Amino acid sequence: QGLAWAVEGLAESVAARADRSTAQANRNLVLTYLERNPVPSALPQDP
């Protein structure tokens, strides 16, 4: 029952390093998020 941002973030980080299309898709998701929202004040708690 760990910290979800770290558990899921690590798994996603490894997957993105292993697959260029995942890395690009995730980057695009982050860019779209930042176009529509301010930088969050906290880590993602429950991905």
PDB file of all heavy atoms in Angstrom:
ATOM      1  N   GLN A   1       0.855  -1.186   0.000  1.00  0.00           N
ATOM      2  CA  GLN A   1       0.000   0.000   0.000  1.00  0.00           C
ATOM      3  C   GLN A   1       0.891   1.236   0.000  1.00  0.00           C
ATOM      4  O   GLN A   1       0.816   2.074   0.879  1.00  0.00           O
ATOM      5  CB  GLN A   1      -0.914  -0.005   1.233  1.00  0.00           C
ATOM      6  CG  GLN A   1      -1.893  -1.144   1.252  1.00  0.00           C
ATOM      7  CD  GLN A   1      -2.868  -1.068   0.093  1.00  0.00           C
ATOM      8  OE1 GLN A   1      -3.390  -0.016  -0.235  1.00  0.00           O
ATOM      9  NE2 GLN A   1      -3.109  -2.197  -0.547  1.00  0.00           N
ATOM     10  N   GLY A   2       1.736   1.331  -1.000  1.00  0.00           N
ATOM     11  CA  GLY A   2       2.695   2.423  -1.077  1.00  0.00           C
ATOM     12  C   GLY A   2       2.122   3.685  -1.669  1.00  0.00           C
ATOM     13  O   GLY A   2       0.909   3.832  -1.845  1.00  0.00           O
ATOM     14  N   LEU A   3       3.011   4.599  -1.993  1.00  0.00           N
ATOM     15  CA  LEU A   3       2.644   5.884  -2.569  1.00  0.00           C
ATOM     16  C   LEU A   3       2.391   5.697  -4.057  1.00  0.00           C
ATOM     17  O   LEU A   3       3.301   5.391  -4.827  1.00  0.00           O
ATOM     18  CB  LEU A   3       3.766   6.896  -2.333  1.00  0.00           C
ATOM     19  CG  LEU A   3       4.117   7.116  -0.859  1.00  0.00           C
ATOM     20  CD1 LEU A   3       5.354   7.978  -0.724  1.00  0.00           C
ATOM     21  CD2 LEU A   3       2.933   7.733  -0.126  1.00  0.00           C
ATOM     22  N   ALA A   4       1.142   5.876  -4.469  1.00  0.00           N
ATOM     23  CA  ALA A   4       0.723   5.555  -5.832  1.00  0.00           C
ATOM     24  C   ALA A   4       1.512   6.316  -6.886  1.00  0.00           C
ATOM     25  O   ALA A   4       1.866   5.748  -7.923  1.00  0.00           O
ATOM     26  CB  ALA A   4      -0.770   5.818  -5.993  1.00  0.00           C
ATOM     27  N   TRP A   5       1.830   7.582  -6.644  1.00  0.00           N
ATOM     28  CA  TRP A   5       2.583   8.352  -7.635  1.00  0.00           C
ATOM     29  C   TRP A   5       3.942   7.720  -7.881  1.00  0.00           C
ATOM     30  O   TRP A   5       4.420   7.696  -9.021  1.00  0.00           O
ATOM     31  CB  TRP A   5       2.727   9.822  -7.235  1.00  0.00           C
ATOM     32  CG  TRP A   5       3.634  10.037  -6.054  1.00  0.00           C
ATOM     33  CD1 TRP A   5       3.277  10.111  -4.747  1.00  0.00           C
ATOM     34  CD2 TRP A   5       5.057  10.183  -6.086  1.00  0.00           C
ATOM     35  NE1 TRP A   5       4.382  10.293  -3.951  1.00  0.00           N
ATOM     36  CE2 TRP A   5       5.482  10.344  -4.747  1.00  0.00           C
ATOM     37  CE3 TRP A   5       6.003  10.188  -7.105  1.00  0.00           C
ATOM     38  CZ2 TRP A   5       6.826  10.510  -4.413  1.00  0.00           C
ATOM     39  CZ3 TRP A   5       7.345  10.356  -6.770  1.00  0.00           C
ATOM     40  CH2 TRP A   5       7.741  10.516  -5.422  1.00  0.00           C
ATOM     41  N   ALA A   6       4.573   7.205  -6.845  1.00  0.00           N
ATOM     42  CA  ALA A   6       5.901   6.603  -6.982  1.00  0.00           C
ATOM     43  C   ALA A   6       5.812   5.218  -7.613  1.00  0.00           C
ATOM     44  O   ALA A   6       6.598   4.873  -8.503  1.00  0.00           O
ATOM     45  CB  ALA A   6       6.600   6.534  -5.629  1.00  0.00           C
ATOM     46  N   VAL A   7       4.852   4.427  -7.173  1.00  0.00           N
ATOM     47  CA  VAL A   7       4.674   3.064  -7.695  1.00  0.00           C
ATOM     48  C   VAL A   7       4.332   3.106  -9.180  1.00  0.00           C
ATOM     49  O   VAL A   7       4.979   2.450 -10.005  1.00  0.00           O
ATOM     50  CB  VAL A   7       3.585   2.324  -6.887  1.00  0.00           C
ATOM     51  CG1 VAL A   7       3.168   1.037  -7.564  1.00  0.00           C
ATOM     52  CG2 VAL A   7       4.066   2.066  -5.462  1.00  0.00           C
ATOM     53  N   GLU A   8       3.312   3.887  -9.533  1.00  0.00           N
ATOM     54  CA  GLU A   8       2.901   3.956 -10.936  1.00  0.00           C
ATOM     55  C   GLU A   8       3.891   4.781 -11.761  1.00  0.00           C
ATOM     56  O   GLU A   8       4.144   4.480 -12.927  1.00  0.00           O
ATOM     57  CB  GLU A   8       1.494   4.534 -11.059  1.00  0.00           C
ATOM     58  CG  GLU A   8       0.423   3.668 -10.435  1.00  0.00           C
ATOM     59  CD  GLU A   8       0.339   2.259 -11.009  1.00  0.00           C
ATOM     60  OE1 GLU A   8       0.825   1.992 -12.122  1.00  0.00           O
ATOM     61  OE2 GLU A   8      -0.223   1.394 -10.316  1.00  0.00           O
ATOM     62  N   GLY A   9       4.448   5.811 -11.162  1.00  0.00           N
ATOM     63  CA  GLY A   9       5.430   6.628 -11.876  1.00  0.00           C
ATOM     64  C   GLY A   9       6.669   5.847 -12.257  1.00  0.00           C
ATOM     65  O   GLY A   9       7.181   5.974 -13.376  1.00  0.00           O
ATOM     66  N   LEU A  10       7.170   5.018 -11.337  1.00  0.00           N
ATOM     67  CA  LEU A  10       8.334   4.198 -11.650  1.00  0.00           C
ATOM     68  C   LEU A  10       8.023   3.215 -12.771  1.00  0.00           C
ATOM     69  O   LEU A  10       8.801   3.073 -13.724  1.00  0.00           O
ATOM     70  CB  LEU A  10       8.825   3.446 -10.416  1.00  0.00           C
ATOM     71  CG  LEU A  10      10.011   2.497 -10.662  1.00  0.00           C
ATOM     72  CD1 LEU A  10      11.245   3.255 -11.172  1.00  0.00           C
ATOM     73  CD2 LEU A  10      10.338   1.718  -9.401  1.00  0.00           C
ATOM     74  N   ALA A  11       6.882   2.551 -12.670  1.00  0.00           N
ATOM     75  CA  ALA A  11       6.512   1.585 -13.715  1.00  0.00           C
ATOM     76  C   ALA A  11       6.375   2.277 -15.066  1.00  0.00           C
ATOM     77  O   ALA A  11       6.826   1.766 -16.095  1.00  0.00           O
ATOM     78  CB  ALA A  11       5.215   0.868 -13.333  1.00  0.00           C
ATOM     79  N   GLU A  12       5.778   3.454 -15.065  1.00  0.00           N
ATOM     80  CA  GLU A  12       5.601   4.199 -16.322  1.00  0.00           C
ATOM     81  C   GLU A  12       6.938   4.726 -16.831  1.00  0.00           C
ATOM     82  O   GLU A  12       7.192   4.749 -18.038  1.00  0.00           O
ATOM     83  CB  GLU A  12       4.601   5.339 -16.102  1.00  0.00           C
ATOM     84  CG  GLU A  12       3.954   5.824 -17.345  1.00  0.00           C
ATOM     85  CD  GLU A  12       3.130   4.789 -18.087  1.00  0.00           C
ATOM     86  OE1 GLU A  12       2.736   3.743 -17.522  1.00  0.00           O
ATOM     87  OE2 GLU A  12       2.868   5.035 -19.282  1.00  0.00           O
ATOM     88  N   SER A  13       7.817   5.128 -15.929  1.00  0.00           N
ATOM     89  CA  SER A  13       9.147   5.609 -16.309  1.00  0.00           C
ATOM     90  C   SER A  13       9.949   4.522 -17.014  1.00  0.00           C
ATOM     91  O   SER A  13      10.563   4.750 -18.058  1.00  0.00           O
ATOM     92  CB  SER A  13       9.899   6.100 -15.058  1.00  0.00           C
ATOM     93  OG  SER A  13      11.195   6.531 -15.381  1.00  0.00           O
ATOM     94  N   VAL A  14       9.917   3.320 -16.462  1.00  0.00           N
ATOM     95  CA  VAL A  14      10.636   2.195 -17.075  1.00  0.00           C
ATOM     96  C   VAL A  14      10.012   1.855 -18.431  1.00  0.00           C
ATOM     97  O   VAL A  14      10.723   1.638 -19.415  1.00  0.00           O
ATOM     98  CB  VAL A  14      10.657   0.970 -16.132  1.00  0.00           C
ATOM     99  CG1 VAL A  14      11.230  -0.257 -16.832  1.00  0.00           C
ATOM    100  CG2 VAL A  14      11.454   1.297 -14.867  1.00  0.00           C
ATOM    101  N   ALA A  15       8.685   1.838 -18.491  1.00  0.00           N
ATOM    102  CA  ALA A  15       8.015   1.533 -19.766  1.00  0.00           C
ATOM    103  C   ALA A  15       8.350   2.579 -20.821  1.00  0.00           C
ATOM    104  O   ALA A  15       8.602   2.232 -21.985  1.00  0.00           O
ATOM    105  CB  ALA A  15       6.498   1.452 -19.557  1.00  0.00           C
ATOM    106  N   ALA A  16       8.381   3.846 -20.435  1.00  0.00           N
ATOM    107  CA  ALA A  16       8.690   4.916 -21.398  1.00  0.00           C
ATOM    108  C   ALA A  16      10.143   4.847 -21.856  1.00  0.00           C
ATOM    109  O   ALA A  16      10.438   5.139 -23.020  1.00  0.00           O
ATOM    110  CB  ALA A  16       8.392   6.278 -20.781  1.00  0.00           C
ATOM    111  N   ARG A  17      11.035   4.441 -20.980  1.00  0.00           N
ATOM    112  CA  ARG A  17      12.441   4.283 -21.397  1.00  0.00           C
ATOM    113  C   ARG A  17      12.616   3.102 -22.333  1.00  0.00           C
ATOM    114  O   ARG A  17      13.513   3.084 -23.165  1.00  0.00           O
ATOM    115  CB  ARG A  17      13.345   4.119 -20.181  1.00  0.00           C
ATOM    116  CG  ARG A  17      13.565   5.402 -19.443  1.00  0.00           C
ATOM    117  CD  ARG A  17      14.588   5.243 -18.352  1.00  0.00           C
ATOM    118  NE  ARG A  17      14.741   6.489 -17.640  1.00  0.00           N
ATOM    119  CZ  ARG A  17      15.747   6.761 -16.839  1.00  0.00           C
ATOM    120  NH1 ARG A  17      16.702   5.873 -16.650  1.00  0.00           N
ATOM    121  NH2 ARG A  17      15.812   7.913 -16.215  1.00  0.00           N
ATOM    122  N   ALA A  18      11.742   2.116 -22.211  1.00  0.00           N
ATOM    123  CA  ALA A  18      11.836   0.912 -23.050  1.00  0.00           C
ATOM    124  C   ALA A  18      11.124   1.082 -24.389  1.00  0.00           C
ATOM    125  O   ALA A  18      11.397   0.340 -25.326  1.00  0.00           O
ATOM    126  CB  ALA A  18      11.244  -0.287 -22.307  1.00  0.00           C
ATOM    127  N   ASP A  19      10.210   2.045 -24.469  1.00  0.00           N
ATOM    128  CA  ASP A  19       9.403   2.192 -25.680  1.00  0.00           C
ATOM    129  C   ASP A  19       9.269   3.673 -26.031  1.00  0.00           C
ATOM    130  O   ASP A  19       8.614   4.424 -25.304  1.00  0.00           O
ATOM    131  CB  ASP A  19       8.014   1.572 -25.462  1.00  0.00           C
ATOM    132  CG  ASP A  19       7.119   1.749 -26.675  1.00  0.00           C
ATOM    133  OD1 ASP A  19       7.509   1.302 -27.770  1.00  0.00           O
ATOM    134  OD2 ASP A  19       6.050   2.352 -26.516  1.00  0.00           O
ATOM    135  N   ARG A  20       9.878   4.060 -27.128  1.00  0.00           N
ATOM    136  CA  ARG A  20       9.894   5.456 -27.558  1.00  0.00           C
ATOM    137  C   ARG A  20       8.482   6.009 -27.774  1.00  0.00           C
ATOM    138  O   ARG A  20       8.201   7.165 -27.456  1.00  0.00           O
ATOM    139  CB  ARG A  20      10.717   5.593 -28.836  1.00  0.00           C
ATOM    140  CG  ARG A  20      10.855   7.025 -29.292  1.00  0.00           C
ATOM    141  CD  ARG A  20      11.774   7.148 -30.478  1.00  0.00           C
ATOM    142  NE  ARG A  20      13.120   6.785 -30.039  1.00  0.00           N
ATOM    143  CZ  ARG A  20      14.012   6.198 -30.816  1.00  0.00           C
ATOM    144  NH1 ARG A  20      13.728   5.912 -32.059  1.00  0.00           N
ATOM    145  NH2 ARG A  20      15.208   5.905 -30.355  1.00  0.00           N
ATOM    146  N   SER A  21       7.567   5.197 -28.321  1.00  0.00           N
ATOM    147  CA  SER A  21       6.211   5.711 -28.572  1.00  0.00           C
ATOM    148  C   SER A  21       5.471   5.983 -27.264  1.00  0.00           C
ATOM    149  O   SER A  21       4.684   6.928 -27.187  1.00  0.00           O
ATOM    150  CB  SER A  21       5.417   4.766 -29.479  1.00  0.00           C
ATOM    151  OG  SER A  21       5.208   3.531 -28.860  1.00  0.00           O
ATOM    152  N   THR A  22       5.722   5.190 -26.239  1.00  0.00           N
ATOM    153  CA  THR A  22       5.128   5.458 -24.927  1.00  0.00           C
ATOM    154  C   THR A  22       5.690   6.753 -24.357  1.00  0.00           C
ATOM    155  O   THR A  22       4.932   7.585 -23.825  1.00  0.00           O
ATOM    156  CB  THR A  22       5.388   4.288 -23.957  1.00  0.00           C
ATOM    157  OG1 THR A  22       4.748   3.130 -24.479  1.00  0.00           O
ATOM    158  CG2 THR A  22       4.878   4.584 -22.555  1.00  0.00           C
ATOM    159  N   ALA A  23       6.986   6.937 -24.486  1.00  0.00           N
ATOM    160  CA  ALA A  23       7.604   8.177 -24.002  1.00  0.00           C
ATOM    161  C   ALA A  23       6.992   9.388 -24.698  1.00  0.00           C
ATOM    162  O   ALA A  23       6.658  10.389 -24.043  1.00  0.00           O
ATOM    163  CB  ALA A  23       9.115   8.134 -24.228  1.00  0.00           C
ATOM    164  N   GLN A  24       6.810   9.310 -26.009  1.00  0.00           N
ATOM    165  CA  GLN A  24       6.239  10.434 -26.747  1.00  0.00           C
ATOM    166  C   GLN A  24       4.776  10.655 -26.395  1.00  0.00           C
ATOM    167  O   GLN A  24       4.335  11.785 -26.220  1.00  0.00           O
ATOM    168  CB  GLN A  24       6.399  10.234 -28.253  1.00  0.00           C
ATOM    169  CG  GLN A  24       6.005  11.458 -29.060  1.00  0.00           C
ATOM    170  CD  GLN A  24       6.827  12.689 -28.694  1.00  0.00           C
ATOM    171  OE1 GLN A  24       8.051  12.665 -28.710  1.00  0.00           O
ATOM    172  NE2 GLN A  24       6.155  13.777 -28.328  1.00  0.00           N
ATOM    173  N   ALA A  25       4.027   9.579 -26.283  1.00  0.00           N
ATOM    174  CA  ALA A  25       2.613   9.708 -25.911  1.00  0.00           C
ATOM    175  C   ALA A  25       2.473  10.349 -24.538  1.00  0.00           C
ATOM    176  O   ALA A  25       1.626  11.240 -24.335  1.00  0.00           O
ATOM    177  CB  ALA A  25       1.925   8.345 -25.939  1.00  0.00           C
ATOM    178  N   ASN A  26       3.306   9.931 -23.588  1.00  0.00           N
ATOM    179  CA  ASN A  26       3.246  10.505 -22.248  1.00  0.00           C
ATOM    180  C   ASN A  26       3.651  11.975 -22.259  1.00  0.00           C
ATOM    181  O   ASN A  26       3.035  12.806 -21.586  1.00  0.00           O
ATOM    182  CB  ASN A  26       4.101   9.707 -21.275  1.00  0.00           C
ATOM    183  CG  ASN A  26       3.450   8.408 -20.871  1.00  0.00           C
ATOM    184  OD1 ASN A  26       2.304   8.133 -21.230  1.00  0.00           O
ATOM    185  ND2 ASN A  26       4.172   7.586 -20.148  1.00  0.00           N
ATOM    186  N   ARG A  27       4.669  12.300 -23.040  1.00  0.00           N
ATOM    187  CA  ARG A  27       5.086  13.706 -23.149  1.00  0.00           C
ATOM    188  C   ARG A  27       3.937  14.550 -23.712  1.00  0.00           C
ATOM    189  O   ARG A  27       3.668  15.644 -23.214  1.00  0.00           O
ATOM    190  CB  ARG A  27       6.329  13.835 -24.009  1.00  0.00           C
ATOM    191  CG  ARG A  27       6.779  15.284 -24.167  1.00  0.00           C
ATOM    192  CD  ARG A  27       8.223  15.389 -24.569  1.00  0.00           C
ATOM    193  NE  ARG A  27       8.641  16.751 -24.734  1.00  0.00           N
ATOM    194  CZ  ARG A  27       8.938  17.595 -23.756  1.00  0.00           C
ATOM    195  NH1 ARG A  27       8.856  17.191 -22.508  1.00  0.00           N
ATOM    196  NH2 ARG A  27       9.319  18.831 -24.000  1.00  0.00           N
ATOM    197  N   ASN A  28       3.263  14.038 -24.732  1.00  0.00           N
ATOM    198  CA  ASN A  28       2.139  14.771 -25.315  1.00  0.00           C
ATOM    199  C   ASN A  28       1.011  14.965 -24.301  1.00  0.00           C
ATOM    200  O   ASN A  28       0.387  16.028 -24.256  1.00  0.00           O
ATOM    201  CB  ASN A  28       1.622  14.064 -26.563  1.00  0.00           C
ATOM    202  CG  ASN A  28       2.604  14.135 -27.712  1.00  0.00           C
ATOM    203  OD1 ASN A  28       3.519  14.972 -27.733  1.00  0.00           O
ATOM    204  ND2 ASN A  28       2.445  13.244 -28.669  1.00  0.00           N
ATOM    205  N   LEU A  29       0.747  13.949 -23.490  1.00  0.00           N
ATOM    206  CA  LEU A  29      -0.276  14.072 -22.455  1.00  0.00           C
ATOM    207  C   LEU A  29       0.092  15.156 -21.436  1.00  0.00           C
ATOM    208  O   LEU A  29      -0.760  15.947 -21.023  1.00  0.00           O
ATOM    209  CB  LEU A  29      -0.492  12.737 -21.735  1.00  0.00           C
ATOM    210  CG  LEU A  29      -1.194  11.651 -22.537  1.00  0.00           C
ATOM    211  CD1 LEU A  29      -1.070  10.303 -21.828  1.00  0.00           C
ATOM    212  CD2 LEU A  29      -2.659  12.010 -22.762  1.00  0.00           C
ATOM    213  N   VAL A  30       1.360  15.190 -21.051  1.00  0.00           N
ATOM    214  CA  VAL A  30       1.819  16.204 -20.093  1.00  0.00           C
ATOM    215  C   VAL A  30       1.724  17.596 -20.719  1.00  0.00           C
ATOM    216  O   VAL A  30       1.250  18.544 -20.078  1.00  0.00           O
ATOM    217  CB  VAL A  30       3.257  15.895 -19.606  1.00  0.00           C
ATOM    218  CG1 VAL A  30       3.845  17.070 -18.829  1.00  0.00           C
ATOM    219  CG2 VAL A  30       3.269  14.639 -18.749  1.00  0.00           C
ATOM    220  N   LEU A  31       2.140  17.732 -21.967  1.00  0.00           N
ATOM    221  CA  LEU A  31       2.050  19.031 -22.644  1.00  0.00           C
ATOM    222  C   LEU A  31       0.604  19.513 -22.743  1.00  0.00           C
ATOM    223  O   LEU A  31       0.315  20.685 -22.473  1.00  0.00           O
ATOM    224  CB  LEU A  31       2.684  18.955 -24.031  1.00  0.00           C
ATOM    225  CG  LEU A  31       4.210  18.838 -24.060  1.00  0.00           C
ATOM    226  CD1 LEU A  31       4.695  18.515 -25.463  1.00  0.00           C
ATOM    227  CD2 LEU A  31       4.855  20.111 -23.525  1.00  0.00           C
ATOM    228  N   THR A  32      -0.286  18.626 -23.117  1.00  0.00           N
ATOM    229  CA  THR A  32      -1.703  18.992 -23.205  1.00  0.00           C
ATOM    230  C   THR A  32      -2.236  19.396 -21.833  1.00  0.00           C
ATOM    231  O   THR A  32      -2.963  20.395 -21.707  1.00  0.00           O
ATOM    232  CB  THR A  32      -2.527  17.827 -23.785  1.00  0.00           C
ATOM    233  OG1 THR A  32      -2.044  17.544 -25.103  1.00  0.00           O
ATOM    234  CG2 THR A  32      -4.006  18.149 -23.828  1.00  0.00           C
ATOM    235  N   TYR A  33      -1.858  18.652 -20.815  1.00  0.00           N
ATOM    236  CA  TYR A  33      -2.278  18.992 -19.456  1.00  0.00           C
ATOM    237  C   TYR A  33      -1.805  20.405 -19.089  1.00  0.00           C
ATOM    238  O   TYR A  33      -2.576  21.218 -18.567  1.00  0.00           O
ATOM    239  CB  TYR A  33      -1.722  17.970 -18.456  1.00  0.00           C
ATOM    240  CG  TYR A  33      -2.005  18.335 -17.027  1.00  0.00           C
ATOM    241  CD1 TYR A  33      -3.199  17.967 -16.422  1.00  0.00           C
ATOM    242  CD2 TYR A  33      -1.094  19.086 -16.282  1.00  0.00           C
ATOM    243  CE1 TYR A  33      -3.478  18.327 -15.109  1.00  0.00           C
ATOM    244  CE2 TYR A  33      -1.365  19.452 -14.974  1.00  0.00           C
ATOM    245  CZ  TYR A  33      -2.551  19.075 -14.398  1.00  0.00           C
ATOM    246  OH  TYR A  33      -2.829  19.440 -13.104  1.00  0.00           O
ATOM    247  N   LEU A  34      -0.522  20.687 -19.372  1.00  0.00           N
ATOM    248  CA  LEU A  34       0.050  21.986 -18.989  1.00  0.00           C
ATOM    249  C   LEU A  34      -0.520  23.137 -19.812  1.00  0.00           C
ATOM    250  O   LEU A  34      -0.514  24.283 -19.345  1.00  0.00           O
ATOM    251  CB  LEU A  34       1.576  21.931 -19.088  1.00  0.00           C
ATOM    252  CG  LEU A  34       2.247  21.032 -18.057  1.00  0.00           C
ATOM    253  CD1 LEU A  34       3.723  20.866 -18.367  1.00  0.00           C
ATOM    254  CD2 LEU A  34       2.035  21.569 -16.645  1.00  0.00           C
ATOM    255  N   GLU A  35      -1.008  22.856 -21.005  1.00  0.00           N
ATOM    256  CA  GLU A  35      -1.674  23.897 -21.804  1.00  0.00           C
ATOM    257  C   GLU A  35      -3.000  24.308 -21.165  1.00  0.00           C
ATOM    258  O   GLU A  35      -3.435  25.445 -21.315  1.00  0.00           O
ATOM    259  CB  GLU A  35      -1.957  23.389 -23.227  1.00  0.00           C
ATOM    260  CG  GLU A  35      -0.741  23.272 -24.094  1.00  0.00           C
ATOM    261  CD  GLU A  35      -1.039  22.572 -25.420  1.00  0.00           C
ATOM    262  OE1 GLU A  35      -2.218  22.249 -25.711  1.00  0.00           O
ATOM    263  OE2 GLU A  35      -0.073  22.333 -26.165  1.00  0.00           O
ATOM    264  N   ARG A  36      -3.622  23.390 -20.465  1.00  0.00           N
ATOM    265  CA  ARG A  36      -4.968  23.610 -19.929  1.00  0.00           C
ATOM    266  C   ARG A  36      -5.013  23.870 -18.433  1.00  0.00           C
ATOM    267  O   ARG A  36      -6.050  24.274 -17.898  1.00  0.00           O
ATOM    268  CB  ARG A  36      -5.841  22.390 -20.228  1.00  0.00           C
ATOM    269  CG  ARG A  36      -5.992  22.133 -21.700  1.00  0.00           C
ATOM    270  CD  ARG A  36      -6.755  20.864 -21.951  1.00  0.00           C
ATOM    271  NE  ARG A  36      -6.861  20.619 -23.388  1.00  0.00           N
ATOM    272  CZ  ARG A  36      -7.205  19.474 -23.914  1.00  0.00           C
ATOM    273  NH1 ARG A  36      -7.498  18.449 -23.144  1.00  0.00           N
ATOM    274  NH2 ARG A  36      -7.262  19.347 -25.223  1.00  0.00           N
ATOM    275  N   ASN A  37      -3.897  23.571 -17.746  1.00  0.00           N
ATOM    276  CA  ASN A  37      -3.882  23.647 -16.280  1.00  0.00           C
ATOM    277  C   ASN A  37      -2.582  24.281 -15.802  1.00  0.00           C
ATOM    278  O   ASN A  37      -1.548  24.151 -16.458  1.00  0.00           O
ATOM    279  CB  ASN A  37      -3.956  22.239 -15.674  1.00  0.00           C
ATOM    280  CG  ASN A  37      -5.185  21.492 -16.092  1.00  0.00           C
ATOM    281  OD1 ASN A  37      -6.254  21.710 -15.554  1.00  0.00           O
ATOM    282  ND2 ASN A  37      -5.048  20.610 -17.077  1.00  0.00           N
ATOM    283  N   PRO A  38      -2.623  24.888 -14.611  1.00  0.00           N
ATOM    284  CA  PRO A  38      -1.366  25.351 -14.022  1.00  0.00           C
ATOM    285  C   PRO A  38      -0.550  24.154 -13.519  1.00  0.00           C
ATOM    286  O   PRO A  38      -1.082  23.039 -13.400  1.00  0.00           O
ATOM    287  CB  PRO A  38      -1.833  26.230 -12.851  1.00  0.00           C
ATOM    288  CG  PRO A  38      -3.183  25.698 -12.503  1.00  0.00           C
ATOM    289  CD  PRO A  38      -3.785  25.195 -13.784  1.00  0.00           C
ATOM    290  N   VAL A  39       0.708  24.401 -13.230  1.00  0.00           N
ATOM    291  CA  VAL A  39       1.538  23.354 -12.627  1.00  0.00           C
ATOM    292  C   VAL A  39       0.896  22.963 -11.298  1.00  0.00           C
ATOM    293  O   VAL A  39       0.580  23.840 -10.480  1.00  0.00           O
ATOM    294  CB  VAL A  39       2.982  23.858 -12.415  1.00  0.00           C
ATOM    295  CG1 VAL A  39       3.788  22.887 -11.569  1.00  0.00           C
ATOM    296  CG2 VAL A  39       3.662  24.093 -13.760  1.00  0.00           C
ATOM    297  N   PRO A  40       0.653  21.672 -11.097  1.00  0.00           N
ATOM    298  CA  PRO A  40      -0.004  21.257  -9.842  1.00  0.00           C
ATOM    299  C   PRO A  40       0.875  21.551  -8.627  1.00  0.00           C
ATOM    300  O   PRO A  40       2.099  21.603  -8.727  1.00  0.00           O
ATOM    301  CB  PRO A  40      -0.219  19.757 -10.023  1.00  0.00           C
ATOM    302  CG  PRO A  40       0.641  19.343 -11.152  1.00  0.00           C
ATOM    303  CD  PRO A  40       0.963  20.552 -11.961  1.00  0.00           C
ATOM    304  N   SER A  41       0.229  21.716  -7.501  1.00  0.00           N
ATOM    305  CA  SER A  41       0.960  22.017  -6.266  1.00  0.00           C
ATOM    306  C   SER A  41       1.436  20.763  -5.547  1.00  0.00           C
ATOM    307  O   SER A  41       2.229  20.853  -4.621  1.00  0.00           O
ATOM    308  CB  SER A  41       0.086  22.857  -5.336  1.00  0.00           C
ATOM    309  OG  SER A  41      -1.082  22.133  -5.002  1.00  0.00           O
ATOM    310  N   ALA A  42       0.935  19.603  -5.974  1.00  0.00           N
ATOM    311  CA  ALA A  42       1.274  18.355  -5.293  1.00  0.00           C
ATOM    312  C   ALA A  42       1.503  17.248  -6.313  1.00  0.00           C
ATOM    313  O   ALA A  42       1.127  17.366  -7.485  1.00  0.00           O
ATOM    314  CB  ALA A  42       0.142  17.957  -4.346  1.00  0.00           C
ATOM    315  N   LEU A  43       2.097  16.175  -5.846  1.00  0.00           N
ATOM    316  CA  LEU A  43       2.295  14.981  -6.664  1.00  0.00           C
ATOM    317  C   LEU A  43       0.952  14.333  -6.981  1.00  0.00           C
ATOM    318  O   LEU A  43       0.004  14.482  -6.204  1.00  0.00           O
ATOM    319  CB  LEU A  43       3.183  13.988  -5.904  1.00  0.00           C
ATOM    320  CG  LEU A  43       4.605  14.468  -5.648  1.00  0.00           C
ATOM    321  CD1 LEU A  43       5.227  13.715  -4.483  1.00  0.00           C
ATOM    322  CD2 LEU A  43       5.446  14.318  -6.905  1.00  0.00           C
ATOM    323  N   PRO A  44       0.853  13.609  -8.106  1.00  0.00           N
ATOM    324  CA  PRO A  44      -0.413  12.926  -8.411  1.00  0.00           C
ATOM    325  C   PRO A  44      -0.678  11.832  -7.369  1.00  0.00           C
ATOM    326  O   PRO A  44       0.098  10.900  -7.248  1.00  0.00           O
ATOM    327  CB  PRO A  44      -0.192  12.335  -9.798  1.00  0.00           C
ATOM    328  CG  PRO A  44       1.227  12.562 -10.146  1.00  0.00           C
ATOM    329  CD  PRO A  44       1.867  13.409  -9.106  1.00  0.00           C
ATOM    330  N   GLN A  45      -1.744  11.970  -6.615  1.00  0.00           N
ATOM    331  CA  GLN A  45      -1.995  11.071  -5.487  1.00  0.00           C
ATOM    332  C   GLN A  45      -2.600   9.732  -5.856  1.00  0.00           C
ATOM    333  O   GLN A  45      -2.280   8.720  -5.245  1.00  0.00           O
ATOM    334  CB  GLN A  45      -2.891  11.763  -4.459  1.00  0.00           C
ATOM    335  CG  GLN A  45      -2.214  12.954  -3.813  1.00  0.00           C
ATOM    336  CD  GLN A  45      -0.895  12.606  -3.167  1.00  0.00           C
ATOM    337  OE1 GLN A  45      -0.817  11.704  -2.332  1.00  0.00           O
ATOM    338  NE2 GLN A  45       0.176  13.283  -3.550  1.00  0.00           N
ATOM    339  N   ASP A  46      -3.482   9.714  -6.830  1.00  0.00           N
ATOM    340  CA  ASP A  46      -4.194   8.484  -7.165  1.00  0.00           C
ATOM    341  C   ASP A  46      -4.321   8.374  -8.687  1.00  0.00           C
ATOM    342  O   ASP A  46      -5.387   8.634  -9.236  1.00  0.00           O
ATOM    343  CB  ASP A  46      -5.569   8.487  -6.497  1.00  0.00           C
ATOM    344  CG  ASP A  46      -6.292   7.170  -6.649  1.00  0.00           C
ATOM    345  OD1 ASP A  46      -5.633   6.140  -6.911  1.00  0.00           O
ATOM    346  OD2 ASP A  46      -7.531   7.159  -6.498  1.00  0.00           O
ATOM    347  N   PRO A  47      -3.224   8.017  -9.357  1.00  0.00           N
ATOM    348  CA  PRO A  47      -3.270   7.969 -10.822  1.00  0.00           C
ATOM    349  C   PRO A  47      -4.349   7.019 -11.333  1.00  0.00           C
ATOM    350  O   PRO A  47      -4.402   5.860 -10.943  1.00  0.00           O
ATOM    351  CB  PRO A  47      -1.874   7.467 -11.209  1.00  0.00           C
ATOM    352  CG  PRO A  47      -1.015   7.728 -10.026  1.00  0.00           C
ATOM    353  CD  PRO A  47      -1.916   7.642  -8.838  1.00  0.00           C
TER     354      PRO A  47
END
